[in-house]
Amino acid sequence: MPEFRERLRAWLEENLDGPFAHVRGQGGPGREHEAFEERLAWERHLAEAGWNCLGWPAEHGGAGASLDDQVVFHEEYARAQAPARVSHLGQELLGPTLIAFGTPEQQRRFLPKIVKVEELWCQGYSEPGAGSDLAAVATTATLDGDEWVLRGQKIWTSLAHVADWCFVLARTEPGSKRHHGLSYLLVPMRQPGIEVRPIRQLTGTSEFNEVFFDGARTAKDLVVGTPGDGWRVALGTLAFERGVATLGQQVGFRRELTALTELARHNGAAEDPVIAERLARAWMGLEVMRAHAVRTLGSQVPGVAEVSKLVWADWHRSLGELAMMVRGPASMVEEDAWQRLYLFSRADTIYGGSNEIQRNIIAERVLGLPREARQ
């Protein structure tokens, strides 16, 4: 592992220079609009050098890297302030899902293009009436000959405006309810019958979108798993969502906390005992977060992913609030990185499964408590 870290660190230092020097630190939550084409070019450069999809098996185009090496990659990538990935939904979510549940034909069709960053993906899960309550999906897909015809609406669809494909959870059995009768479909985005509308956020950016399906079509064989088995496949994707990449995310969190602590010392805010205590608690929270992530890495124990999401979402939202305290009254009027952190981190406890839903899952599936009453 030390040799792998040294080789990766040297490669990043050499290649995040010259033509790619300006993409350092670009992109990320609330900033996906930054240098998009340049970040896409960087990622293809990364792929050509063999640094893409490291954890995938070699037979599917990956490097078969160990969990330890994958952690090293995400940590060093974040420490080098390499740009935020534009193809992470394909690499981290759809790709592993196809490896686990897809047919050989689906794997041959889609995995090589994900590895080479030739096709970008988005996730069609949430709906206006089925946000974190994924089992309430109402979008339908009806078989018409050799094609599925989709009708419905998805919302909060990250990067749908640049995606070539979408993995969509849709109801394919009329009259079915909750997690029964759902299917996991692969749908091309650039076709008649699909409309993408950007959602303007508090930060002024629009990386989230509404996606409307009105007669959009996809091939009959582009169902991952079997028709009606979409709930199991969708849960598999959600499990992949909170993998080793969270260790890289925490490197970014530590950088934010370090910068905020330095600001508090510089402007005198650290002399306030309340702020000083909150900075200390933030540091302790980050240490706990890392310890939990390392301890549970690769674990299949129910509830681990949900606890991880709760921990980092609450921590990061609190950091945004603390940044406003450190900045003082100026934070209300001056648009800077700290104000953007505060505004965007309000969404941390909502997207990817709201805190309320995460707690329900832990209560019902892990602790065996009675199910919440539904209207």
Foldseek 3Di string as FASTA:
>chain_A
DVVLLVVLLVVLVVVCDDPNVVQQLADDFVGPVTPVVSLLVVLLVCLVVQNALQCDDVVLPHVVDDLVSLLSNLQSCLVSSHHDHQACCVSQFVLVLCVVFNDPVVSVPPRVCSSNVVFHEKEFFAAPVPFLQRQQAAWAWEDDPFKTWIFDKGWQIFQLVPGQKYFHWHAHDPPDGGLFRIWTFIFGQPDPQKDWAFDQFPSRDTRIIMIGGGGGIDGNNRTGHDGGCHSVSVVVSLVSVQASSVSSVLSVVVVLLVVLVVLLVVVVVCVPVVLVVVSVVLVVLSVVLVVLRVVCHPPPDPLSSLVSLVSVLVSQLVSLVSSCSSVDPVLVPDDDPSVSSNRSSVCSCRPSRHNVRSVQRCCCVPVVHDHDDDD
